[in-house]
Amino acid sequence: MEKIYERPHSLYKSVSGYCPGCLHGLISKMVCELIDEYEIADKTICVLPVGCGTLSKNIFDFDVVCAAHGRAPAVATGVKRCAPEKFVFTYQGDGDLAAIGLSEIIHCANRGENIVTIFINNSTYGMTGGQMAPTTLIGQKTTTTPAGRNAANEGYPIKMCELISQLEAPVYVARFALDTPANIIKAKNGLKKAFEIQLNGHGFSFIEFLSICPTNWGMTPEKCLKWSQENCTKVFPPGEFKVRKEVQ
């Protein structure tokens, strides 16, 4: 049987604006494919903060709300509580979620809000010039750590899945790599599980994707993927960190 692959209907037929090799485009496509599959475009609201992910407002063909830097979980909480029939998700980068927005995401997760948070971890501030992010690896060079991140001076990378999975309320917490076709399939299945958890009213899900940033890493996309495999996945191991019994 012939299988035809086409652009998701909930994705605008326009250029994304993402840098060549960036995995934001892949993640956005997965999101839209699932929205099409569940036929929920007319009831979906995405909350975007500040950062590269904000460019999604130009390609998502459903309602989008733009929040202040780091405040997407708080805005999403208000949207979902005012309109519980809506499907609500946040789409955030590491510089946004794990830095200025750390308090917001922790308390949103701790309350068990019935939303999905999609967290893109490329270990850098992508939009603003490649500064050190909370997820920057030890020894990784950035514009603010030109000699490499030093734990004695800048501390250690923050592991968000490990942190959030210690809270009582979250239902599903998982991290996925996007460095091979097999891992991309696993990632989409994990995101699908998070979608179903919200649609069934079970509570909060947190999905982390390990991404790359060819522009600020100063490598080709191919070398970025290899570097991520050899370095990022060791510090941020993929896997399911929490799955509550009611959704197993």
Protein backbone atom coordinates (compact mmCIF):
# COMPACT_ATOMS: atom_id res chain seq x y z
CA MET A 1 0.00 0.00 0.00
CA GLU A 2 1.37 3.41 -0.96
CA LYS A 3 1.73 5.81 1.95
CA ILE A 4 1.70 9.48 1.05
CA TYR A 5 3.51 11.92 3.33
CA GLU A 6 2.14 15.42 3.28
CA ARG A 7 2.45 18.63 5.22
CA PRO A 8 0.21 18.67 8.32
CA HIS A 9 -2.95 20.69 7.78
CA SER A 10 -2.39 22.61 11.03
CA LEU A 11 1.00 23.83 9.78
CA TYR A 12 0.94 26.96 7.62
CA LYS A 13 2.35 26.62 4.12
CA SER A 14 5.10 29.14 4.82
CA VAL A 15 8.81 29.25 5.56
CA SER A 16 9.46 28.59 9.25
CA GLY A 17 12.25 31.10 9.84
CA TYR A 18 14.34 28.58 11.77
CA CYS A 19 18.06 28.28 10.98
CA PRO A 20 19.08 25.44 8.63
CA GLY A 21 19.54 22.22 10.59
CA CYS A 22 17.58 23.41 13.61
CA LEU A 23 15.27 20.72 15.00
CA HIS A 24 12.51 23.15 15.95
CA GLY A 25 11.00 22.51 12.53
CA LEU A 26 10.91 18.76 13.13
CA ILE A 27 9.33 19.19 16.56
CA SER A 28 6.75 21.64 15.21
CA LYS A 29 5.85 19.14 12.50
CA MET A 30 5.35 16.36 15.06
CA VAL A 31 3.10 18.63 17.12
CA CYS A 32 0.97 19.49 14.09
CA GLU A 33 0.77 15.88 12.93
CA LEU A 34 -0.71 14.90 16.27
CA ILE A 35 -3.11 17.84 16.29
CA ASP A 36 -4.30 16.69 12.87
CA GLU A 37 -4.56 13.09 14.04
CA TYR A 38 -6.78 14.01 16.99
CA GLU A 39 -8.64 16.66 14.93
CA ILE A 40 -8.26 19.27 17.66
CA ALA A 41 -6.92 22.29 15.73
CA ASP A 42 -10.10 24.24 16.42
CA LYS A 43 -9.76 23.75 20.19
CA THR A 44 -5.97 24.03 20.53
CA ILE A 45 -4.22 26.98 22.18
CA CYS A 46 -0.42 27.13 22.20
CA VAL A 47 1.31 29.44 24.66
CA LEU A 48 4.69 30.71 23.46
CA PRO A 49 7.23 32.69 25.52
CA VAL A 50 10.37 34.47 24.27
CA GLY A 51 13.05 32.67 22.26
CA CYS A 52 13.47 30.71 19.04
CA GLY A 53 10.27 28.77 19.76
CA THR A 54 8.30 32.00 19.40
CA LEU A 55 8.81 31.70 15.64
CA SER A 56 6.21 28.94 15.79
CA LYS A 57 3.55 31.62 15.78
CA ASN A 58 4.34 32.06 12.09
CA ILE A 59 3.71 28.41 11.21
CA PHE A 60 1.10 27.05 13.65
CA ASP A 61 -2.34 27.26 12.05
CA PHE A 62 -4.27 27.37 15.32
CA ASP A 63 -4.63 29.81 18.20
CA VAL A 64 -1.40 31.05 19.78
CA VAL A 65 -0.87 33.27 22.81
CA CYS A 66 2.51 34.95 23.37
CA ALA A 67 3.59 35.31 27.00
CA ALA A 68 6.36 37.27 28.67
CA HIS A 69 9.78 35.63 28.94
CA GLY A 70 9.47 32.47 31.06
CA ARG A 71 5.82 33.02 31.93
CA ALA A 72 4.21 30.57 29.49
CA PRO A 73 3.21 28.03 32.21
CA ALA A 74 1.43 30.74 34.21
CA VAL A 75 -0.41 32.02 31.14
CA ALA A 76 -1.29 28.46 30.10
CA THR A 77 -2.66 27.83 33.59
CA GLY A 78 -5.00 30.79 33.22
CA VAL A 79 -6.08 29.76 29.72
CA LYS A 80 -6.81 26.16 30.73
CA ARG A 81 -8.67 27.09 33.90
CA CYS A 82 -10.82 29.62 32.02
CA ALA A 83 -11.43 27.24 29.10
CA PRO A 84 -10.96 23.66 30.35
CA GLU A 85 -12.40 22.26 27.11
CA LYS A 86 -9.39 23.61 25.18
CA PHE A 87 -6.21 21.65 24.46
CA VAL A 88 -3.41 23.80 25.87
CA PHE A 89 0.34 23.38 25.57
CA THR A 90 3.44 25.49 26.10
CA TYR A 91 6.40 25.35 23.72
CA GLN A 92 9.57 26.58 25.45
CA GLY A 93 13.35 26.60 25.11
CA ASP A 94 15.92 25.99 27.81
CA GLY A 95 16.97 29.61 28.14
CA ASP A 96 13.33 30.50 28.78
CA LEU A 97 12.01 27.60 30.84
CA ALA A 98 15.03 26.67 32.94
CA ALA A 99 16.26 30.20 33.67
CA ILE A 100 13.85 33.12 34.05
CA GLY A 101 10.90 30.71 33.92
CA LEU A 102 12.15 28.13 36.41
CA SER A 103 9.75 29.18 39.16
CA GLU A 104 6.81 29.22 36.75
CA ILE A 105 7.33 25.68 35.44
CA ILE A 106 8.03 24.19 38.87
CA HIS A 107 4.84 25.56 40.39
CA CYS A 108 2.75 24.72 37.32
CA ALA A 109 4.00 21.14 37.46
CA ASN A 110 3.55 20.99 41.23
CA ARG A 111 -0.10 22.03 40.85
CA GLY A 112 -0.61 19.33 38.25
CA GLU A 113 -2.21 21.65 35.71
CA ASN A 114 -3.88 19.69 32.91
CA ILE A 115 -1.57 20.95 30.16
CA VAL A 116 1.44 19.72 28.17
CA THR A 117 4.78 21.49 28.34
CA ILE A 118 7.12 20.89 25.40
CA PHE A 119 10.70 21.75 26.39
CA ILE A 120 13.38 22.14 23.70
CA ASN A 121 16.88 21.75 25.14
CA ASN A 122 19.70 22.83 22.83
CA SER A 123 22.02 23.89 25.68
CA THR A 124 22.26 27.53 24.57
CA TYR A 125 20.40 30.81 24.29
CA GLY A 126 19.72 30.41 20.58
CA MET A 127 17.89 33.61 19.68
CA THR A 128 19.96 36.16 21.59
CA GLY A 129 23.50 35.23 20.58
CA GLY A 130 24.54 31.88 22.02
CA GLN A 131 25.04 32.78 25.66
CA MET A 132 25.37 30.11 28.37
CA ALA A 133 22.02 28.57 29.28
CA PRO A 134 21.11 26.64 32.45
CA THR A 135 21.54 23.47 30.37
CA THR A 136 24.95 24.32 28.87
CA LEU A 137 27.32 21.40 29.41
CA ILE A 138 30.47 21.58 31.52
CA GLY A 139 33.29 22.66 29.22
CA GLN A 140 30.91 23.80 26.47
CA LYS A 141 31.95 27.13 24.97
CA THR A 142 29.41 29.94 24.61
CA THR A 143 29.65 33.69 24.08
CA THR A 144 29.53 34.19 27.86
CA THR A 145 31.77 31.20 28.67
CA PRO A 146 34.41 31.45 25.93
CA ALA A 147 36.73 29.10 27.85
CA GLY A 148 33.93 26.63 28.49
CA ARG A 149 31.42 26.33 31.32
CA ASN A 150 33.20 25.89 34.65
CA ALA A 151 31.20 24.25 37.44
CA ALA A 152 33.11 26.16 40.11
CA ASN A 153 32.07 29.46 38.55
CA GLU A 154 28.81 28.84 36.68
CA GLY A 155 27.45 25.73 38.40
CA TYR A 156 26.24 22.54 36.77
CA PRO A 157 23.67 21.96 33.99
CA ILE A 158 20.12 21.83 35.34
CA LYS A 159 18.37 18.55 34.54
CA MET A 160 14.73 19.51 34.22
CA CYS A 161 13.19 16.05 33.77
CA GLU A 162 14.98 14.76 36.84
CA LEU A 163 13.89 17.82 38.80
CA ILE A 164 10.22 17.80 37.79
CA SER A 165 9.85 14.04 38.17
CA GLN A 166 10.47 14.41 41.93
CA LEU A 167 7.24 16.38 42.31
CA GLU A 168 4.06 14.55 43.31
CA ALA A 169 1.60 15.96 40.79
CA PRO A 170 3.12 15.46 37.31
CA VAL A 171 1.66 12.48 35.45
CA TYR A 172 4.21 11.99 32.68
CA VAL A 173 7.79 13.26 32.47
CA ALA A 174 10.04 12.12 29.62
CA ARG A 175 13.09 13.13 27.58
CA PHE A 176 13.75 12.17 23.97
CA ALA A 177 16.68 12.50 21.58
CA LEU A 178 16.06 13.43 17.95
CA ASP A 179 19.36 12.21 16.52
CA THR A 180 18.16 9.14 14.58
CA PRO A 181 14.96 8.12 12.78
CA ALA A 182 14.31 5.48 15.45
CA ASN A 183 14.61 8.07 18.22
CA ILE A 184 12.33 10.46 16.34
CA ILE A 185 9.66 7.74 16.27
CA LYS A 186 10.09 7.23 20.03
CA ALA A 187 9.83 10.98 20.55
CA LYS A 188 6.57 11.26 18.64
CA ASN A 189 5.11 8.32 20.56
CA GLY A 190 6.04 10.02 23.83
CA LEU A 191 4.48 13.28 22.71
CA LYS A 192 1.37 11.37 21.68
CA LYS A 193 1.12 9.90 25.16
CA ALA A 194 1.30 13.40 26.63
CA PHE A 195 -1.47 14.58 24.30
CA GLU A 196 -3.70 11.70 25.35
CA ILE A 197 -3.05 12.38 29.04
CA GLN A 198 -4.40 15.91 28.70
CA LEU A 199 -7.27 14.90 26.43
CA ASN A 200 -8.33 12.33 29.04
CA GLY A 201 -8.06 14.88 31.85
CA HIS A 202 -5.27 13.14 33.77
CA GLY A 203 -3.03 16.15 34.41
CA PHE A 204 0.40 17.60 33.71
CA SER A 205 2.93 16.23 31.21
CA PHE A 206 6.47 17.43 30.57
CA ILE A 207 8.22 16.41 27.34
CA GLU A 208 11.86 17.35 26.79
CA PHE A 209 13.47 17.14 23.36
CA LEU A 210 17.25 17.22 22.96
CA SER A 211 17.83 19.58 20.07
CA ILE A 212 20.84 21.15 18.36
CA CYS A 213 21.90 24.67 17.39
CA PRO A 214 24.23 24.65 14.37
CA THR A 215 24.36 28.46 14.30
CA ASN A 216 25.59 28.96 17.87
CA TRP A 217 27.45 25.68 18.23
CA GLY A 218 29.48 26.61 15.15
CA MET A 219 29.10 23.19 13.50
CA THR A 220 27.32 21.65 10.56
CA PRO A 221 24.00 19.98 11.40
CA GLU A 222 25.60 16.56 10.87
CA LYS A 223 28.42 17.32 13.30
CA CYS A 224 25.91 18.77 15.77
CA LEU A 225 23.96 15.52 15.82
CA LYS A 226 27.12 13.53 16.44
CA TRP A 227 28.24 15.93 19.16
CA SER A 228 24.83 15.67 20.82
CA GLN A 229 25.00 11.87 20.73
CA GLU A 230 28.48 11.87 22.27
CA ASN A 231 27.90 14.59 24.86
CA CYS A 232 24.33 15.78 25.46
CA THR A 233 22.77 12.34 25.84
CA LYS A 234 25.34 11.46 28.51
CA VAL A 235 24.43 14.48 30.62
CA PHE A 236 20.74 14.35 29.70
CA PRO A 237 19.93 10.65 29.23
CA PRO A 238 16.72 10.02 27.26
CA GLY A 239 13.95 8.03 28.88
CA GLU A 240 10.70 8.15 30.81
CA PHE A 241 11.34 9.60 34.26
CA LYS A 242 7.82 9.42 35.62
CA VAL A 243 4.66 7.66 34.50
CA ARG A 244 1.82 7.67 37.00
CA LYS A 245 0.01 4.37 37.42
CA GLU A 246 -3.28 5.66 36.03
CA VAL A 247 -1.73 6.17 32.58
CA GLN A 248 0.61 3.17 32.39
